[in-house]
């Protein structure tokens, strides 16, 4: 049996929601141009939480919000500083 994830800190949860909402409103062409920006953060979070797991698989632009959510939860569970995580998500949102 798997234990449910702990709730994210309020600020991190709010920024994650803002990023995913923003991503889902982007036109397809715009999302395609900004995929690398999101993937950079995905890869950084993956290395920080599971350095030997290898790269995050490229499942296409539609999967990026879900992949980001999983990695944000993983980073929070691994002890990533909530303020730093919130700031990284805010930077990503502004870049979108």
Protein backbone atom coordinates (compact mmCIF):
# COMPACT_ATOMS: atom_id res chain seq x y z
CA UNK A 1 0.00 0.00 0.00
CA UNK A 2 1.28 3.45 -0.88
CA UNK A 3 1.10 6.32 1.53
CA UNK A 4 -0.57 9.43 0.16
CA UNK A 5 1.70 12.41 -0.43
CA UNK A 6 1.95 14.98 2.31
CA UNK A 7 0.31 18.28 1.48
CA UNK A 8 2.54 20.83 -0.18
CA UNK A 9 3.34 24.04 1.68
CA UNK A 10 0.68 26.62 0.83
CA UNK A 11 2.92 28.87 -1.26
CA UNK A 12 4.36 25.96 -3.24
CA UNK A 13 0.89 24.55 -3.92
CA UNK A 14 -0.34 27.96 -5.08
CA UNK A 15 2.59 28.47 -7.46
CA UNK A 16 2.28 24.93 -8.82
CA UNK A 17 -1.40 25.57 -9.54
CA UNK A 18 -0.56 28.89 -11.23
CA UNK A 19 2.10 27.27 -13.42
CA UNK A 20 -0.15 24.39 -14.47
CA UNK A 21 -3.08 26.73 -15.12
CA UNK A 22 -0.85 28.98 -17.21
CA UNK A 23 0.54 26.02 -19.16
CA UNK A 24 -2.93 24.72 -19.96
CA UNK A 25 -3.98 28.08 -21.40
CA UNK A 26 -1.02 28.40 -23.77
CA UNK A 27 -1.71 27.93 -27.47
CA UNK A 28 -0.16 24.70 -28.77
CA UNK A 29 2.53 26.47 -30.79
CA UNK A 30 3.50 28.62 -27.80
CA UNK A 31 3.64 25.58 -25.52
CA UNK A 32 5.92 23.88 -28.02
CA UNK A 33 8.32 26.83 -27.91
CA UNK A 34 8.38 26.86 -24.11
CA UNK A 35 8.72 23.13 -23.50
CA UNK A 36 12.48 23.37 -22.97
CA UNK A 37 11.97 25.90 -20.17
CA UNK A 38 9.72 23.51 -18.26
CA UNK A 39 11.92 20.49 -18.98
CA UNK A 40 14.92 22.31 -17.51
CA UNK A 41 13.17 22.62 -14.16
CA UNK A 42 11.92 19.01 -14.39
CA UNK A 43 15.46 17.77 -14.89
CA UNK A 44 16.83 19.92 -12.06
CA UNK A 45 14.17 18.64 -9.66
CA UNK A 46 14.75 15.05 -10.75
CA UNK A 47 18.50 15.30 -10.16
CA UNK A 48 17.92 16.86 -6.74
CA UNK A 49 15.49 14.16 -5.62
CA UNK A 50 16.76 11.04 -7.41
CA UNK A 51 20.22 11.69 -8.87
CA UNK A 52 20.69 8.16 -10.21
CA UNK A 53 17.26 7.75 -11.80
CA UNK A 54 18.22 9.16 -15.19
CA UNK A 55 16.50 11.85 -17.23
CA UNK A 56 12.80 12.59 -17.02
CA UNK A 57 11.13 10.94 -20.02
CA UNK A 58 9.80 13.26 -22.71
CA UNK A 59 6.09 12.45 -22.84
CA UNK A 60 5.17 15.54 -24.82
CA UNK A 61 3.84 18.97 -23.86
CA UNK A 62 0.47 17.73 -22.61
CA UNK A 63 2.14 15.64 -19.89
CA UNK A 64 4.42 18.39 -18.58
CA UNK A 65 2.04 19.76 -15.91
CA UNK A 66 1.56 16.28 -14.46
CA UNK A 67 5.28 15.52 -14.56
CA UNK A 68 5.98 18.85 -12.88
CA UNK A 69 3.44 18.12 -10.13
CA UNK A 70 5.00 14.73 -9.40
CA UNK A 71 8.49 16.17 -9.22
CA UNK A 72 7.41 19.09 -7.05
CA UNK A 73 5.82 16.66 -4.58
CA UNK A 74 9.00 14.55 -4.68
CA UNK A 75 11.18 17.60 -4.08
CA UNK A 76 9.04 18.74 -1.16
CA UNK A 77 9.12 15.23 0.35
CA UNK A 78 12.90 15.14 -0.10
CA UNK A 79 13.26 18.30 1.98
CA UNK A 80 13.69 20.95 -0.71
CA UNK A 81 13.44 24.39 0.90
CA UNK A 82 9.80 25.45 0.39
CA UNK A 83 10.70 29.10 -0.25
CA UNK A 84 13.26 28.11 -2.86
CA UNK A 85 10.83 25.70 -4.50
CA UNK A 86 8.12 28.36 -4.55
CA UNK A 87 10.56 30.87 -6.08
CA UNK A 88 11.62 28.40 -8.79
CA UNK A 89 7.99 27.78 -9.71
CA UNK A 90 7.29 31.52 -9.77
CA UNK A 91 10.28 32.04 -12.07
CA UNK A 92 8.97 29.30 -14.36
CA UNK A 93 5.49 30.85 -14.42
CA UNK A 94 6.94 34.23 -15.37
CA UNK A 95 8.96 32.58 -18.15
CA UNK A 96 5.80 31.09 -19.62
